[in-house]
Amino acid sequence: MSISENLQRVYTEITQLAQQKTGQAPRVFHDGDWPSPCEIPNSVENDSVAWQQVAQNGNMQGLEKALETKFPAALQAYFGSFYSDNLFASYQEHNLCLLQAWSEQDFERLQQNITGHVLMKRRLKQADTVFFATCEEDDLLLVMKLEDASIWLEYLGKEPHHKLADSMEAFLADCSGLYYAQ
């Protein structure tokens, strides 16, 4: 399965779990200052909104140029396939938050955060990595090494320390969706 197909599968699992637990689509806190194409029309209630994944064609070519690097196609596909709320998933013994862009504005903010991360790695004279998920442990990230597109665990500001998968495709294939009621 492709990266976008695996992200779609995880989203579908989350949606099915939400339907089973609540009888409706997944919900997220509604912030009127951060509108999203993911918001299901007329679904705002009690400070939350129902949402759905929406296809997008985002690219990070401007960021590549600014950082004078090349992002693996897998990273481009991961962040550029959908607008979505973050996807909660499990992988092996880890509960994760797969970071996604909620809107074009959020996609721009995400790229700014990636820029800060890459520049920090360079200041520390470490190989470039890009985060794409967080773990329950606050400073533990899932990152892609840019040199070979492998997936690792990395503590913030440290070198990656535990390889999880050889590729984003292999990593996502083993992820299962989780749903936490809003």
N, C-alpha and C. Protein backbone atom coordinates (compact mmCIF):
# COMPACT_ATOMS: atom_id res chain seq x y z
N MET A 1 0.84 -1.20 0.00
CA MET A 1 0.00 0.00 0.00
C MET A 1 0.87 1.25 0.00
N SER A 2 0.41 2.27 -0.65
CA SER A 2 1.12 3.54 -0.67
C SER A 2 0.97 4.26 0.68
N ILE A 3 1.72 5.30 0.85
CA ILE A 3 1.62 6.09 2.08
C ILE A 3 0.23 6.68 2.22
N SER A 4 -0.30 7.27 1.16
CA SER A 4 -1.63 7.86 1.27
C SER A 4 -2.69 6.79 1.53
N GLU A 5 -2.55 5.61 0.95
CA GLU A 5 -3.51 4.53 1.22
C GLU A 5 -3.43 4.08 2.68
N ASN A 6 -2.23 4.02 3.22
CA ASN A 6 -2.08 3.64 4.63
C ASN A 6 -2.62 4.72 5.56
N LEU A 7 -2.40 5.99 5.24
CA LEU A 7 -2.99 7.06 6.05
C LEU A 7 -4.51 7.00 5.99
N GLN A 8 -5.04 6.72 4.80
CA GLN A 8 -6.49 6.57 4.64
C GLN A 8 -7.00 5.40 5.48
N ARG A 9 -6.26 4.29 5.49
CA ARG A 9 -6.66 3.12 6.27
C ARG A 9 -6.68 3.44 7.77
N VAL A 10 -5.65 4.12 8.27
CA VAL A 10 -5.62 4.49 9.69
C VAL A 10 -6.79 5.41 10.02
N TYR A 11 -7.05 6.40 9.16
CA TYR A 11 -8.18 7.30 9.36
C TYR A 11 -9.50 6.51 9.38
N THR A 12 -9.66 5.57 8.46
CA THR A 12 -10.88 4.76 8.42
C THR A 12 -11.05 3.97 9.71
N GLU A 13 -9.96 3.40 10.22
CA GLU A 13 -10.03 2.67 11.49
C GLU A 13 -10.47 3.60 12.62
N ILE A 14 -9.92 4.80 12.66
CA ILE A 14 -10.29 5.78 13.68
C ILE A 14 -11.77 6.14 13.56
N THR A 15 -12.21 6.38 12.34
CA THR A 15 -13.62 6.73 12.10
C THR A 15 -14.55 5.60 12.53
N GLN A 16 -14.19 4.38 12.21
CA GLN A 16 -15.01 3.23 12.62
C GLN A 16 -15.07 3.11 14.14
N LEU A 17 -13.94 3.31 14.82
CA LEU A 17 -13.92 3.26 16.28
C LEU A 17 -14.77 4.39 16.88
N ALA A 18 -14.69 5.58 16.28
CA ALA A 18 -15.51 6.70 16.76
C ALA A 18 -16.99 6.37 16.60
N GLN A 19 -17.35 5.81 15.45
CA GLN A 19 -18.75 5.43 15.20
C GLN A 19 -19.22 4.41 16.24
N GLN A 20 -18.38 3.42 16.53
CA GLN A 20 -18.74 2.39 17.52
C GLN A 20 -18.90 2.98 18.91
N LYS A 21 -18.00 3.90 19.29
CA LYS A 21 -18.02 4.44 20.65
C LYS A 21 -19.03 5.57 20.85
N THR A 22 -19.24 6.39 19.81
CA THR A 22 -20.05 7.60 19.99
C THR A 22 -21.23 7.68 19.03
N GLY A 23 -21.24 6.85 18.01
CA GLY A 23 -22.30 6.90 17.02
C GLY A 23 -22.14 8.03 16.01
N GLN A 24 -20.97 8.65 15.98
CA GLN A 24 -20.76 9.74 15.04
C GLN A 24 -19.30 9.80 14.59
N ALA A 25 -19.01 10.73 13.70
CA ALA A 25 -17.66 10.93 13.18
C ALA A 25 -16.75 11.40 14.31
N PRO A 26 -15.44 11.26 14.13
CA PRO A 26 -14.51 11.78 15.14
C PRO A 26 -14.74 13.28 15.34
N ARG A 27 -14.45 13.74 16.54
CA ARG A 27 -14.63 15.15 16.87
C ARG A 27 -13.32 15.71 17.41
N VAL A 28 -13.16 17.01 17.25
CA VAL A 28 -11.99 17.70 17.75
C VAL A 28 -12.44 19.06 18.28
N PHE A 29 -11.65 19.65 19.18
CA PHE A 29 -11.96 20.98 19.70
C PHE A 29 -12.13 21.94 18.53
N HIS A 30 -13.17 22.75 18.56
CA HIS A 30 -13.42 23.70 17.48
C HIS A 30 -12.81 25.04 17.83
N ASP A 31 -11.92 25.51 16.98
CA ASP A 31 -11.29 26.82 17.14
C ASP A 31 -11.63 27.63 15.90
N GLY A 32 -12.49 28.61 16.06
CA GLY A 32 -12.94 29.43 14.94
C GLY A 32 -11.82 30.17 14.25
N ASP A 33 -10.67 30.36 14.94
CA ASP A 33 -9.53 31.04 14.34
C ASP A 33 -8.70 30.11 13.46
N TRP A 34 -8.96 28.81 13.51
CA TRP A 34 -8.24 27.82 12.71
C TRP A 34 -9.23 26.99 11.88
N PRO A 35 -9.93 27.62 10.93
CA PRO A 35 -10.88 26.85 10.12
C PRO A 35 -10.14 25.81 9.27
N SER A 36 -10.87 24.76 8.92
CA SER A 36 -10.26 23.68 8.15
C SER A 36 -11.26 23.12 7.15
N PRO A 37 -10.77 22.68 6.00
CA PRO A 37 -11.65 21.98 5.07
C PRO A 37 -12.09 20.62 5.64
N CYS A 38 -11.48 20.19 6.74
CA CYS A 38 -11.84 18.90 7.36
C CYS A 38 -13.13 18.99 8.18
N GLU A 39 -13.51 20.19 8.56
CA GLU A 39 -14.70 20.35 9.40
C GLU A 39 -15.95 19.97 8.62
N ILE A 40 -16.74 19.09 9.21
CA ILE A 40 -18.00 18.70 8.59
C ILE A 40 -19.00 19.83 8.84
N PRO A 41 -19.60 20.38 7.77
CA PRO A 41 -20.52 21.53 7.94
C PRO A 41 -21.63 21.24 8.94
N ASN A 42 -21.98 22.27 9.69
CA ASN A 42 -23.09 22.23 10.65
C ASN A 42 -22.92 21.18 11.74
N SER A 43 -21.68 20.89 12.12
CA SER A 43 -21.45 19.84 13.14
C SER A 43 -20.85 20.38 14.44
N VAL A 44 -20.77 21.71 14.56
CA VAL A 44 -20.22 22.29 15.79
C VAL A 44 -21.24 22.14 16.91
N GLU A 45 -20.77 21.57 18.03
CA GLU A 45 -21.60 21.49 19.23
C GLU A 45 -20.68 21.32 20.44
N ASN A 46 -21.01 22.02 21.51
CA ASN A 46 -20.24 21.93 22.75
C ASN A 46 -18.74 22.13 22.53
N ASP A 47 -18.37 23.16 21.77
CA ASP A 47 -16.97 23.50 21.50
C ASP A 47 -16.19 22.44 20.73
N SER A 48 -16.88 21.52 20.05
CA SER A 48 -16.18 20.56 19.22
C SER A 48 -16.85 20.51 17.85
N VAL A 49 -16.11 19.96 16.90
CA VAL A 49 -16.60 19.84 15.53
C VAL A 49 -16.27 18.44 15.01
N ALA A 50 -17.19 17.86 14.26
CA ALA A 50 -16.91 16.60 13.59
C ALA A 50 -15.98 16.89 12.42
N TRP A 51 -15.11 15.95 12.12
CA TRP A 51 -14.15 16.19 11.03
C TRP A 51 -13.97 14.93 10.20
N GLN A 52 -13.45 15.16 9.00
CA GLN A 52 -13.12 14.08 8.08
C GLN A 52 -11.84 14.44 7.34
N GLN A 53 -11.13 13.44 6.93
CA GLN A 53 -9.90 13.62 6.17
C GLN A 53 -10.26 14.17 4.79
N VAL A 54 -9.45 15.11 4.28
CA VAL A 54 -9.70 15.72 2.97
C VAL A 54 -8.40 15.68 2.17
N ALA A 55 -8.48 15.19 0.96
CA ALA A 55 -7.30 15.11 0.09
C ALA A 55 -6.73 16.50 -0.17
N GLN A 56 -5.42 16.56 -0.25
CA GLN A 56 -4.74 17.81 -0.61
C GLN A 56 -3.53 17.48 -1.48
N ASN A 57 -2.95 18.49 -2.05
CA ASN A 57 -1.76 18.32 -2.89
C ASN A 57 -0.63 19.19 -2.38
N GLY A 58 -0.34 19.10 -1.09
CA GLY A 58 0.71 19.92 -0.52
C GLY A 58 2.08 19.45 -0.95
N ASN A 59 2.99 20.41 -1.02
CA ASN A 59 4.38 20.02 -1.29
C ASN A 59 5.30 20.87 -0.43
N MET A 60 6.48 20.37 -0.24
CA MET A 60 7.45 21.02 0.63
C MET A 60 8.68 21.47 -0.16
N GLN A 61 8.50 21.74 -1.45
CA GLN A 61 9.62 22.12 -2.30
C GLN A 61 10.25 23.44 -1.86
N GLY A 62 9.43 24.39 -1.43
CA GLY A 62 9.98 25.66 -0.95
C GLY A 62 10.83 25.46 0.28
N LEU A 63 10.40 24.58 1.16
CA LEU A 63 11.16 24.29 2.38
C LEU A 63 12.46 23.57 2.02
N GLU A 64 12.41 22.65 1.07
CA GLU A 64 13.62 21.97 0.61
C GLU A 64 14.64 23.00 0.11
N LYS A 65 14.16 23.92 -0.67
CA LYS A 65 15.05 24.94 -1.23
C LYS A 65 15.64 25.80 -0.12
N ALA A 66 14.81 26.23 0.81
CA ALA A 66 15.29 27.08 1.91
C ALA A 66 16.31 26.35 2.78
N LEU A 67 16.12 25.06 3.01
CA LEU A 67 17.04 24.29 3.84
C LEU A 67 18.18 23.66 3.05
N GLU A 68 18.15 23.86 1.72
CA GLU A 68 19.16 23.30 0.83
C GLU A 68 19.33 21.80 1.06
N THR A 69 18.20 21.11 1.02
CA THR A 69 18.18 19.66 1.20
C THR A 69 17.12 19.07 0.29
N LYS A 70 17.08 17.77 0.24
CA LYS A 70 16.07 17.05 -0.54
C LYS A 70 15.31 16.15 0.42
N PHE A 71 13.98 16.28 0.46
CA PHE A 71 13.16 15.42 1.29
C PHE A 71 12.80 14.15 0.50
N PRO A 72 12.86 13.01 1.14
CA PRO A 72 12.42 11.79 0.45
C PRO A 72 10.97 11.93 0.00
N ALA A 73 10.64 11.29 -1.12
CA ALA A 73 9.27 11.33 -1.64
C ALA A 73 8.27 10.84 -0.59
N ALA A 74 8.69 9.90 0.25
CA ALA A 74 7.81 9.37 1.29
C ALA A 74 7.40 10.45 2.29
N LEU A 75 8.31 11.34 2.61
CA LEU A 75 7.98 12.42 3.55
C LEU A 75 7.03 13.42 2.88
N GLN A 76 7.28 13.71 1.62
CA GLN A 76 6.38 14.59 0.86
C GLN A 76 4.97 14.00 0.82
N ALA A 77 4.87 12.68 0.58
CA ALA A 77 3.56 12.02 0.52
C ALA A 77 2.89 12.02 1.89
N TYR A 78 3.66 11.80 2.93
CA TYR A 78 3.10 11.75 4.28
C TYR A 78 2.43 13.08 4.65
N PHE A 79 3.13 14.18 4.45
CA PHE A 79 2.59 15.48 4.83
C PHE A 79 1.72 16.12 3.76
N GLY A 80 1.82 15.66 2.51
CA GLY A 80 1.12 16.32 1.42
C GLY A 80 -0.11 15.61 0.88
N SER A 81 -0.50 14.48 1.47
CA SER A 81 -1.63 13.72 0.94
C SER A 81 -2.99 14.22 1.41
N PHE A 82 -3.07 14.61 2.69
CA PHE A 82 -4.37 14.94 3.29
C PHE A 82 -4.28 16.11 4.24
N TYR A 83 -5.39 16.83 4.35
CA TYR A 83 -5.63 17.66 5.52
C TYR A 83 -6.36 16.75 6.49
N SER A 84 -5.99 16.80 7.75
CA SER A 84 -6.58 15.89 8.72
C SER A 84 -6.24 16.39 10.11
N ASP A 85 -7.05 16.01 11.10
CA ASP A 85 -6.62 16.16 12.47
C ASP A 85 -5.48 15.16 12.66
N ASN A 86 -4.70 15.32 13.70
CA ASN A 86 -3.67 14.33 13.99
C ASN A 86 -4.32 12.97 14.17
N LEU A 87 -3.64 11.93 13.73
CA LEU A 87 -4.17 10.58 13.78
C LEU A 87 -3.52 9.82 14.94
N PHE A 88 -4.33 9.32 15.85
CA PHE A 88 -3.79 8.53 16.94
C PHE A 88 -3.70 7.09 16.49
N ALA A 89 -2.55 6.48 16.75
CA ALA A 89 -2.30 5.13 16.26
C ALA A 89 -1.40 4.38 17.23
N SER A 90 -1.36 3.08 17.03
CA SER A 90 -0.41 2.26 17.79
C SER A 90 0.55 1.61 16.80
N TYR A 91 1.78 1.46 17.27
CA TYR A 91 2.82 0.79 16.50
C TYR A 91 3.66 0.01 17.49
N GLN A 92 3.66 -1.30 17.35
CA GLN A 92 4.32 -2.17 18.31
C GLN A 92 3.81 -1.80 19.70
N GLU A 93 4.69 -1.44 20.63
CA GLU A 93 4.22 -1.12 21.98
C GLU A 93 3.99 0.38 22.19
N HIS A 94 4.06 1.16 21.14
CA HIS A 94 3.97 2.62 21.25
C HIS A 94 2.59 3.13 20.83
N ASN A 95 2.01 4.03 21.66
CA ASN A 95 0.85 4.81 21.24
C ASN A 95 1.37 6.12 20.70
N LEU A 96 0.92 6.48 19.52
CA LEU A 96 1.50 7.61 18.79
C LEU A 96 0.46 8.62 18.38
N CYS A 97 0.95 9.80 18.09
CA CYS A 97 0.16 10.84 17.45
C CYS A 97 0.84 11.14 16.12
N LEU A 98 0.23 10.67 15.03
CA LEU A 98 0.76 10.93 13.69
C LEU A 98 0.36 12.34 13.30
N LEU A 99 1.34 13.22 13.19
CA LEU A 99 1.07 14.63 12.93
C LEU A 99 0.58 14.84 11.51
N GLN A 100 -0.46 15.64 11.39
CA GLN A 100 -1.05 15.97 10.10
C GLN A 100 -1.33 17.47 10.07
N ALA A 101 -1.52 18.02 8.89
CA ALA A 101 -1.87 19.43 8.74
C ALA A 101 -3.38 19.57 8.69
N TRP A 102 -3.94 20.43 9.52
CA TRP A 102 -5.38 20.66 9.63
C TRP A 102 -5.90 21.54 8.50
N SER A 103 -5.01 22.37 7.97
CA SER A 103 -5.40 23.34 6.94
C SER A 103 -4.13 23.85 6.26
N GLU A 104 -4.29 24.67 5.25
CA GLU A 104 -3.13 25.27 4.59
C GLU A 104 -2.32 26.09 5.59
N GLN A 105 -3.01 26.85 6.43
CA GLN A 105 -2.33 27.65 7.47
C GLN A 105 -1.54 26.74 8.41
N ASP A 106 -2.09 25.61 8.79
CA ASP A 106 -1.40 24.67 9.67
C ASP A 106 -0.24 24.00 8.95
N PHE A 107 -0.39 23.75 7.64
CA PHE A 107 0.69 23.18 6.84
C PHE A 107 1.90 24.13 6.84
N GLU A 108 1.63 25.43 6.73
CA GLU A 108 2.71 26.42 6.79
C GLU A 108 3.38 26.41 8.17
N ARG A 109 2.59 26.33 9.22
CA ARG A 109 3.13 26.29 10.59
C ARG A 109 3.97 25.02 10.79
N LEU A 110 3.48 23.91 10.29
CA LEU A 110 4.21 22.65 10.38
C LEU A 110 5.58 22.77 9.72
N GLN A 111 5.63 23.39 8.55
CA GLN A 111 6.91 23.56 7.85
C GLN A 111 7.85 24.47 8.64
N GLN A 112 7.32 25.48 9.32
CA GLN A 112 8.16 26.32 10.18
C GLN A 112 8.76 25.50 11.33
N ASN A 113 7.95 24.61 11.91
CA ASN A 113 8.44 23.77 12.99
C ASN A 113 9.50 22.78 12.49
N ILE A 114 9.30 22.25 11.29
CA ILE A 114 10.29 21.35 10.70
C ILE A 114 11.59 22.12 10.47
N THR A 115 11.48 23.35 9.99
CA THR A 115 12.67 24.18 9.79
C THR A 115 13.44 24.33 11.10
N GLY A 116 12.74 24.65 12.17
CA GLY A 116 13.39 24.80 13.47
C GLY A 116 14.07 23.52 13.91
N HIS A 117 13.42 22.39 13.68
CA HIS A 117 13.99 21.08 14.06
C HIS A 117 15.28 20.80 13.26
N VAL A 118 15.23 20.99 11.95
CA VAL A 118 16.39 20.71 11.11
C VAL A 118 17.54 21.65 11.48
N LEU A 119 17.25 22.93 11.71
CA LEU A 119 18.32 23.87 12.08
C LEU A 119 18.92 23.51 13.44
N MET A 120 18.09 23.04 14.39
CA MET A 120 18.60 22.59 15.68
C MET A 120 19.55 21.41 15.48
N LYS A 121 19.15 20.43 14.65
CA LYS A 121 19.99 19.26 14.39
C LYS A 121 21.33 19.71 13.81
N ARG A 122 21.31 20.67 12.92
CA ARG A 122 22.55 21.15 12.30
C ARG A 122 23.43 21.87 13.32
N ARG A 123 22.81 22.67 14.19
CA ARG A 123 23.60 23.35 15.25
C ARG A 123 24.28 22.33 16.16
N LEU A 124 23.59 21.22 16.40
CA LEU A 124 24.15 20.16 17.24
C LEU A 124 25.09 19.24 16.47
N LYS A 125 25.31 19.54 15.19
CA LYS A 125 26.16 18.75 14.31
C LYS A 125 25.70 17.29 14.24
N GLN A 126 24.38 17.14 14.10
CA GLN A 126 23.76 15.83 13.96
C GLN A 126 23.16 15.73 12.56
N ALA A 127 22.97 14.50 12.11
CA ALA A 127 22.36 14.27 10.79
C ALA A 127 20.93 14.83 10.77
N ASP A 128 20.51 15.32 9.60
CA ASP A 128 19.16 15.86 9.44
C ASP A 128 18.11 14.77 9.63
N THR A 129 17.12 15.08 10.46
CA THR A 129 15.93 14.25 10.60
C THR A 129 14.72 15.17 10.54
N VAL A 130 13.58 14.60 10.21
CA VAL A 130 12.32 15.34 10.23
C VAL A 130 11.33 14.54 11.07
N PHE A 131 10.74 15.20 12.06
CA PHE A 131 9.74 14.54 12.90
C PHE A 131 8.43 14.43 12.13
N PHE A 132 7.67 13.37 12.44
CA PHE A 132 6.35 13.22 11.83
C PHE A 132 5.33 12.68 12.83
N ALA A 133 5.77 12.31 14.02
CA ALA A 133 4.86 11.79 15.03
C ALA A 133 5.47 11.99 16.41
N THR A 134 4.61 11.96 17.42
CA THR A 134 5.06 12.03 18.80
C THR A 134 4.59 10.78 19.54
N CYS A 135 5.27 10.50 20.63
CA CYS A 135 4.91 9.37 21.49
C CYS A 135 4.27 9.92 22.76
N GLU A 136 3.78 9.02 23.60
CA GLU A 136 3.20 9.45 24.87
C GLU A 136 4.23 10.14 25.75
N GLU A 137 5.48 9.73 25.64
CA GLU A 137 6.58 10.37 26.38
C GLU A 137 6.86 11.71 25.71
N ASP A 138 6.79 12.80 26.47
CA ASP A 138 6.80 14.16 25.92
C ASP A 138 7.91 14.47 24.94
N ASP A 139 9.14 14.10 25.22
CA ASP A 139 10.24 14.52 24.36
C ASP A 139 10.72 13.43 23.42
N LEU A 140 9.89 12.41 23.20
CA LEU A 140 10.24 11.32 22.29
C LEU A 140 9.48 11.48 20.98
N LEU A 141 10.24 11.57 19.89
CA LEU A 141 9.68 11.80 18.57
C LEU A 141 9.91 10.60 17.66
N LEU A 142 9.08 10.47 16.66
CA LEU A 142 9.36 9.57 15.55
C LEU A 142 9.86 10.45 14.43
N VAL A 143 10.99 10.05 13.86
CA VAL A 143 11.62 10.87 12.83
C VAL A 143 11.99 10.01 11.63
N MET A 144 12.13 10.70 10.52
CA MET A 144 12.68 10.09 9.32
C MET A 144 14.09 10.64 9.14
N LYS A 145 15.06 9.74 9.00
CA LYS A 145 16.41 10.17 8.64
C LYS A 145 16.39 10.54 7.16
N LEU A 146 16.83 11.73 6.84
CA LEU A 146 16.77 12.17 5.45
C LEU A 146 17.75 11.43 4.56
N GLU A 147 18.85 10.94 5.13
CA GLU A 147 19.86 10.28 4.30
C GLU A 147 19.37 8.97 3.68
N ASP A 148 18.46 8.26 4.37
CA ASP A 148 18.02 6.97 3.83
C ASP A 148 16.51 6.71 3.99
N ALA A 149 15.76 7.68 4.50
CA ALA A 149 14.31 7.61 4.67
C ALA A 149 13.86 6.55 5.67
N SER A 150 14.77 6.11 6.55
CA SER A 150 14.40 5.14 7.58
C SER A 150 13.70 5.85 8.74
N ILE A 151 12.95 5.08 9.54
CA ILE A 151 12.12 5.62 10.62
C ILE A 151 12.74 5.25 11.96
N TRP A 152 12.89 6.25 12.83
CA TRP A 152 13.59 6.06 14.11
C TRP A 152 12.85 6.75 15.25
N LEU A 153 13.16 6.31 16.47
CA LEU A 153 12.80 7.04 17.68
C LEU A 153 13.95 7.99 17.99
N GLU A 154 13.61 9.19 18.44
CA GLU A 154 14.64 10.18 18.73
C GLU A 154 14.16 11.07 19.87
N TYR A 155 14.96 11.20 20.89
CA TYR A 155 14.67 12.18 21.93
C TYR A 155 15.04 13.56 21.40
N LEU A 156 14.23 14.54 21.70
CA LEU A 156 14.45 15.90 21.23
C LEU A 156 15.88 16.34 21.54
N GLY A 157 16.60 16.78 20.51
CA GLY A 157 17.96 17.26 20.66
C GLY A 157 19.02 16.19 20.69
N LYS A 158 18.62 14.94 20.55
CA LYS A 158 19.57 13.82 20.59
C LYS A 158 19.60 13.13 19.23
N GLU A 159 20.59 12.25 19.08
CA GLU A 159 20.67 11.42 17.88
C GLU A 159 19.54 10.38 17.92
N PRO A 160 19.03 9.96 16.76
CA PRO A 160 18.08 8.84 16.75
C PRO A 160 18.73 7.63 17.43
N HIS A 161 17.92 6.88 18.20
CA HIS A 161 18.52 5.80 18.99
C HIS A 161 17.90 4.42 18.75
N HIS A 162 16.74 4.34 18.13
CA HIS A 162 16.13 3.02 17.92
C HIS A 162 15.41 3.02 16.57
N LYS A 163 15.90 2.17 15.68
CA LYS A 163 15.29 2.07 14.35
C LYS A 163 14.00 1.27 14.44
N LEU A 164 12.92 1.84 13.87
CA LEU A 164 11.62 1.17 13.85
C LEU A 164 11.31 0.50 12.53
N ALA A 165 11.70 1.14 11.44
CA ALA A 165 11.36 0.59 10.11
C ALA A 165 12.33 1.14 9.07
N ASP A 166 12.46 0.39 7.99
CA ASP A 166 13.34 0.82 6.90
C ASP A 166 12.72 1.93 6.05
N SER A 167 11.38 2.05 6.12
CA SER A 167 10.71 3.04 5.27
C SER A 167 9.41 3.49 5.92
N MET A 168 8.90 4.61 5.44
CA MET A 168 7.60 5.10 5.89
C MET A 168 6.50 4.11 5.52
N GLU A 169 6.59 3.53 4.35
CA GLU A 169 5.58 2.56 3.91
C GLU A 169 5.52 1.38 4.88
N ALA A 170 6.69 0.83 5.24
CA ALA A 170 6.73 -0.31 6.16
C ALA A 170 6.22 0.09 7.54
N PHE A 171 6.58 1.28 7.98
CA PHE A 171 6.12 1.76 9.29
C PHE A 171 4.59 1.88 9.31
N LEU A 172 4.03 2.59 8.33
CA LEU A 172 2.58 2.82 8.32
C LEU A 172 1.79 1.53 8.14
N ALA A 173 2.35 0.57 7.42
CA ALA A 173 1.66 -0.70 7.21
C ALA A 173 1.40 -1.41 8.53
N ASP A 174 2.24 -1.16 9.53
CA ASP A 174 2.10 -1.81 10.84
C ASP A 174 1.40 -0.94 11.87
N CYS A 175 0.90 0.22 11.49
CA CYS A 175 0.17 1.10 12.41
C CYS A 175 -1.31 0.73 12.42
N SER A 176 -1.91 0.85 13.59
CA SER A 176 -3.35 0.65 13.74
C SER A 176 -3.96 1.90 14.34
N GLY A 177 -5.12 2.29 13.86
CA GLY A 177 -5.78 3.49 14.35
C GLY A 177 -6.32 3.32 15.76
N LEU A 178 -6.25 4.39 16.54
CA LEU A 178 -6.82 4.46 17.89
C LEU A 178 -7.78 5.63 17.93
N TYR A 179 -8.80 5.56 18.77
CA TYR A 179 -9.71 6.68 18.90
C TYR A 179 -9.88 7.02 20.38
N TYR A 180 -9.68 8.29 20.68
CA TYR A 180 -9.91 8.81 22.03
C TYR A 180 -11.09 9.76 21.96
N ALA A 181 -12.16 9.46 22.66
CA ALA A 181 -13.37 10.29 22.61
C ALA A 181 -13.06 11.71 23.06
N GLN A 182 -13.58 12.68 22.32
CA GLN A 182 -13.39 14.10 22.63
C GLN A 182 -14.25 14.50 23.80
